[in-house]
Amino acid sequence: MSSGPSTSATRWWNPRLVQRLYGPLVVHGTYRFLWRCHVRHVLGLYYSTVRDGDTVLEIGPGDGGHLDRIDRQDLAVHLLDAFPGSMSAAADRLARYKPTQHLANALEPLPLAEDSVDAVMLSMVVHCLPGQQIADKEAVFDGIAHVLRPGGRFAGATVLAEGVPHTRRSRAGLGLLNRQEVFSCYGDALPDLEKALEKRFDQVRVHTLGSVALWQVSGR
């Protein structure tokens, strides 16, 4: 996601690359071997957040694999991404839901009605949003708070630079991905993420695994 996708970042998000490589390289590769957070923990957020019959918004859906795998029934699915390539790949994989696609910047007001969504997923996206720290990206949480109904469910995960343990390998990966403009999270810190969530949502639960923060909250 970005306010104006850079050429460097965009090349990673064409549909063929996403369909062929996102699962093995990102989900089953970097999650575990760089960030030390196995995909089952991220999938757990989907299983506990999205229910049959929900209107669900997924921001930055990648290849659509997580929502596909939990296989909920009768979903009204909205996908939002700044990259048409990854949007297309996710929409193809989730075609059985006939998803509504929103090609949009997640840091701008979201193109859905107030209190219209039962569940929102924001998985491994915040570290890609433009800005040097969480404070630069809080507009995404404002947008989600606006469209999430009171008592609705919002969950997500992100790689952090500060406030979580890093290894030599994860630090090297973080530096490389920031230099490649795939990530933008040099100053993303755990306390700032917690404050941003607590300011806008109820029942905030945040925990960390490796270099990743995972959260579940409720709409206010």
Protein backbone atom coordinates (compact mmCIF):
# COMPACT_ATOMS: atom_id res chain seq x y z
CA MET A 1 0.00 0.00 0.00
CA SER A 2 1.14 3.53 -0.64
CA SER A 3 -0.16 7.01 -1.33
CA GLY A 4 1.49 6.89 -4.73
CA PRO A 5 3.07 3.51 -5.37
CA SER A 6 6.75 3.83 -6.25
CA THR A 7 8.10 2.07 -9.31
CA SER A 8 10.34 0.02 -7.03
CA ALA A 9 7.45 -1.26 -4.93
CA THR A 10 5.01 -1.68 -7.82
CA ARG A 11 7.22 -4.19 -9.62
CA TRP A 12 6.72 -6.64 -6.75
CA TRP A 13 2.93 -6.44 -6.98
CA ASN A 14 2.11 -7.56 -10.51
CA PRO A 15 -0.50 -10.35 -10.62
CA ARG A 16 1.81 -13.11 -11.86
CA LEU A 17 4.42 -12.51 -9.19
CA VAL A 18 1.76 -12.31 -6.49
CA GLN A 19 0.05 -15.51 -7.62
CA ARG A 20 3.29 -17.48 -7.95
CA LEU A 21 5.53 -16.10 -5.23
CA TYR A 22 3.53 -14.37 -2.49
CA GLY A 23 2.62 -17.59 -0.72
CA PRO A 24 5.97 -19.40 -0.80
CA LEU A 25 8.21 -16.33 -0.54
CA VAL A 26 6.31 -14.05 1.84
CA VAL A 27 3.78 -16.14 3.79
CA HIS A 28 5.81 -19.33 4.16
CA GLY A 29 9.19 -17.63 3.88
CA THR A 30 9.63 -14.24 5.52
CA TYR A 31 6.89 -14.72 8.15
CA ARG A 32 8.78 -17.61 9.69
CA PHE A 33 12.42 -17.23 8.75
CA LEU A 34 12.83 -13.46 9.02
CA TRP A 35 10.18 -12.34 11.50
CA ARG A 36 9.79 -15.61 13.50
CA CYS A 37 5.99 -15.54 13.32
CA HIS A 38 4.54 -18.66 11.70
CA VAL A 39 1.61 -18.15 9.34
CA ARG A 40 -0.66 -20.18 11.63
CA HIS A 41 -0.61 -17.32 14.12
CA VAL A 42 -1.72 -14.82 11.49
CA LEU A 43 -4.35 -17.23 10.22
CA GLY A 44 -5.60 -17.53 13.78
CA LEU A 45 -6.60 -13.86 13.63
CA TYR A 46 -8.73 -14.56 10.56
CA TYR A 47 -10.40 -17.60 12.11
CA SER A 48 -11.32 -15.68 15.26
CA THR A 49 -12.32 -12.42 13.55
CA VAL A 50 -14.29 -13.30 10.41
CA ARG A 51 -17.63 -15.10 10.81
CA ASP A 52 -20.14 -16.57 8.39
CA GLY A 53 -22.39 -13.89 6.89
CA ASP A 54 -20.05 -10.99 7.68
CA THR A 55 -19.45 -7.93 5.60
CA VAL A 56 -15.67 -8.00 5.68
CA LEU A 57 -13.04 -5.54 4.50
CA GLU A 58 -9.51 -6.74 3.86
CA ILE A 59 -6.94 -3.99 3.33
CA GLY A 60 -3.84 -5.12 1.45
CA PRO A 61 -5.07 -8.67 0.78
CA GLY A 62 -1.85 -9.97 -0.78
CA ASP A 63 -2.85 -13.01 -2.85
CA GLY A 64 -6.13 -13.44 -0.93
CA GLY A 65 -4.84 -16.65 0.59
CA HIS A 66 -5.72 -16.06 4.24
CA LEU A 67 -9.37 -15.21 3.62
CA ASP A 68 -9.57 -18.04 1.11
CA ARG A 69 -8.18 -20.57 3.56
CA ILE A 70 -10.60 -19.89 6.41
CA ASP A 71 -13.47 -20.49 3.92
CA ARG A 72 -16.27 -18.63 5.66
CA GLN A 73 -19.71 -18.78 4.08
CA ASP A 74 -21.95 -16.00 2.70
CA LEU A 75 -19.40 -13.23 3.04
CA ALA A 76 -19.80 -9.80 1.47
CA VAL A 77 -16.14 -9.14 0.71
CA HIS A 78 -14.50 -5.76 0.08
CA LEU A 79 -10.84 -5.68 -0.96
CA LEU A 80 -8.82 -2.47 -0.80
CA ASP A 81 -5.33 -1.97 -2.17
CA ALA A 82 -3.23 0.69 -3.86
CA PHE A 83 -1.78 -1.86 -6.29
CA PRO A 84 -4.06 -3.13 -9.09
CA GLY A 85 -1.88 -6.20 -9.66
CA SER A 86 -2.22 -7.65 -6.19
CA MET A 87 -5.88 -6.62 -6.09
CA SER A 88 -6.51 -8.62 -9.25
CA ALA A 89 -4.69 -11.68 -7.90
CA ALA A 90 -6.65 -11.61 -4.64
CA ALA A 91 -9.98 -11.03 -6.39
CA ASP A 92 -9.35 -14.00 -8.67
CA ARG A 93 -8.61 -16.27 -5.74
CA LEU A 94 -11.69 -15.06 -3.86
CA ALA A 95 -13.96 -15.06 -6.92
CA ARG A 96 -16.58 -17.23 -5.21
CA TYR A 97 -17.42 -14.23 -2.98
CA LYS A 98 -17.68 -11.82 -5.94
CA PRO A 99 -15.56 -9.29 -4.02
CA THR A 100 -15.98 -5.56 -4.43
CA GLN A 101 -12.62 -4.05 -5.34
CA HIS A 102 -11.48 -0.63 -4.12
CA LEU A 103 -8.30 0.68 -5.74
CA ALA A 104 -7.49 3.27 -3.10
CA ASN A 105 -4.97 4.63 -0.64
CA ALA A 106 -5.55 3.23 2.85
CA LEU A 107 -4.38 6.51 4.41
CA GLU A 108 -7.29 8.39 2.86
CA PRO A 109 -10.96 8.09 3.94
CA LEU A 110 -12.14 4.59 3.07
CA PRO A 111 -14.77 4.29 0.31
CA LEU A 112 -17.33 2.49 2.46
CA ALA A 113 -20.24 3.79 4.53
CA GLU A 114 -19.94 4.55 8.22
CA ASP A 115 -20.63 1.55 10.50
CA SER A 116 -21.08 -0.73 7.48
CA VAL A 117 -18.48 -3.45 8.14
CA ASP A 118 -18.57 -6.36 10.59
CA ALA A 119 -14.90 -7.33 10.32
CA VAL A 120 -11.72 -5.68 9.08
CA MET A 121 -8.40 -7.41 8.42
CA LEU A 122 -5.12 -5.49 8.10
CA SER A 123 -2.52 -8.22 7.87
CA MET A 124 1.15 -7.34 7.30
CA VAL A 125 0.28 -3.95 5.80
CA VAL A 126 1.15 -1.18 8.28
CA HIS A 127 4.89 -1.71 7.80
CA CYS A 128 4.36 -1.03 4.06
CA LEU A 129 2.41 2.21 4.50
CA PRO A 130 4.40 5.40 3.83
CA GLY A 131 5.81 7.10 6.90
CA GLN A 132 8.72 6.73 9.25
CA GLN A 133 6.70 5.90 12.35
CA ILE A 134 3.22 4.79 13.43
CA ALA A 135 2.12 8.40 13.97
CA ASP A 136 2.54 8.98 10.22
CA LYS A 137 0.15 6.12 9.46
CA GLU A 138 -2.64 6.59 12.00
CA ALA A 139 -5.07 7.71 9.31
CA VAL A 140 -5.54 4.03 8.40
CA PHE A 141 -6.93 3.41 11.89
CA ASP A 142 -9.20 6.45 11.60
CA GLY A 143 -10.63 5.07 8.38
CA ILE A 144 -11.20 1.64 9.89
CA ALA A 145 -12.84 3.09 13.02
CA HIS A 146 -15.24 5.01 10.75
CA VAL A 147 -16.44 2.01 8.71
CA LEU A 148 -16.38 -0.61 11.49
CA ARG A 149 -19.71 -1.00 13.23
CA PRO A 150 -19.85 -0.69 17.05
CA GLY A 151 -18.86 -4.07 18.44
CA GLY A 152 -17.38 -5.10 15.10
CA ARG A 153 -14.06 -6.91 14.94
CA PHE A 154 -10.73 -5.60 13.66
CA ALA A 155 -7.52 -7.62 13.64
CA GLY A 156 -4.12 -7.31 12.09
CA ALA A 157 -0.41 -7.89 12.23
CA THR A 158 2.66 -5.86 11.34
CA VAL A 159 6.43 -6.07 11.50
CA LEU A 160 7.85 -3.49 13.90
CA ALA A 161 11.29 -1.94 14.08
CA GLU A 162 11.24 -1.03 17.77
CA GLY A 163 9.83 -2.60 20.92
CA VAL A 164 10.11 -6.17 19.62
CA PRO A 165 13.13 -8.49 19.49
CA HIS A 166 15.17 -8.68 16.31
CA THR A 167 17.88 -11.03 15.17
CA ARG A 168 20.79 -10.17 12.92
CA ARG A 169 18.86 -11.76 10.05
CA SER A 170 15.62 -9.85 10.72
CA ARG A 171 17.51 -6.55 11.04
CA ALA A 172 19.18 -7.21 7.70
CA GLY A 173 15.82 -8.06 6.12
CA LEU A 174 14.22 -4.95 7.58
CA GLY A 175 16.99 -2.76 6.19
CA LEU A 176 16.84 -4.35 2.74
CA LEU A 177 13.05 -4.11 2.42
CA ASN A 178 13.06 -0.48 3.56
CA ARG A 179 15.77 0.38 1.05
CA GLN A 180 13.77 -1.36 -1.69
CA GLU A 181 10.71 0.75 -0.66
CA VAL A 182 8.65 -2.39 -0.08
CA PHE A 183 8.59 -1.51 3.64
CA SER A 184 8.53 1.93 5.26
CA CYS A 185 8.87 1.31 8.95
CA TYR A 186 12.23 2.50 10.26
CA GLY A 187 10.60 3.95 13.38
CA ASP A 188 7.46 1.81 13.81
CA ALA A 189 7.35 1.01 17.54
CA LEU A 190 5.17 -1.21 19.71
CA PRO A 191 4.12 1.47 22.26
CA ASP A 192 3.00 3.77 19.43
CA LEU A 193 0.92 1.02 17.85
CA GLU A 194 -0.75 0.22 21.17
CA LYS A 195 -1.58 3.89 21.77
CA ALA A 196 -3.02 4.31 18.28
CA LEU A 197 -5.31 1.31 18.76
CA GLU A 198 -6.40 2.23 22.29
CA LYS A 199 -7.29 5.75 21.14
CA ARG A 200 -9.84 4.45 18.62
CA PHE A 201 -11.05 1.00 19.64
CA ASP A 202 -12.24 -1.05 22.62
CA GLN A 203 -11.11 -4.40 24.04
CA VAL A 204 -7.61 -3.89 22.64
CA ARG A 205 -5.45 -6.99 22.80
CA VAL A 206 -1.91 -6.82 21.42
CA HIS A 207 0.76 -9.48 21.64
CA THR A 208 4.06 -10.09 19.88
CA LEU A 209 5.68 -13.08 18.24
CA GLY A 210 9.23 -12.57 17.07
CA SER A 211 9.37 -9.17 15.37
CA VAL A 212 5.61 -9.04 14.68
CA ALA A 213 2.81 -7.41 16.66
CA LEU A 214 -0.63 -9.01 16.35
CA TRP A 215 -3.82 -7.38 17.59
CA GLN A 216 -7.56 -7.84 17.96
CA VAL A 217 -9.91 -5.01 18.91
CA SER A 218 -13.60 -4.12 18.88
CA GLY A 219 -15.41 -1.23 17.22
CA ARG A 220 -16.39 1.64 19.48
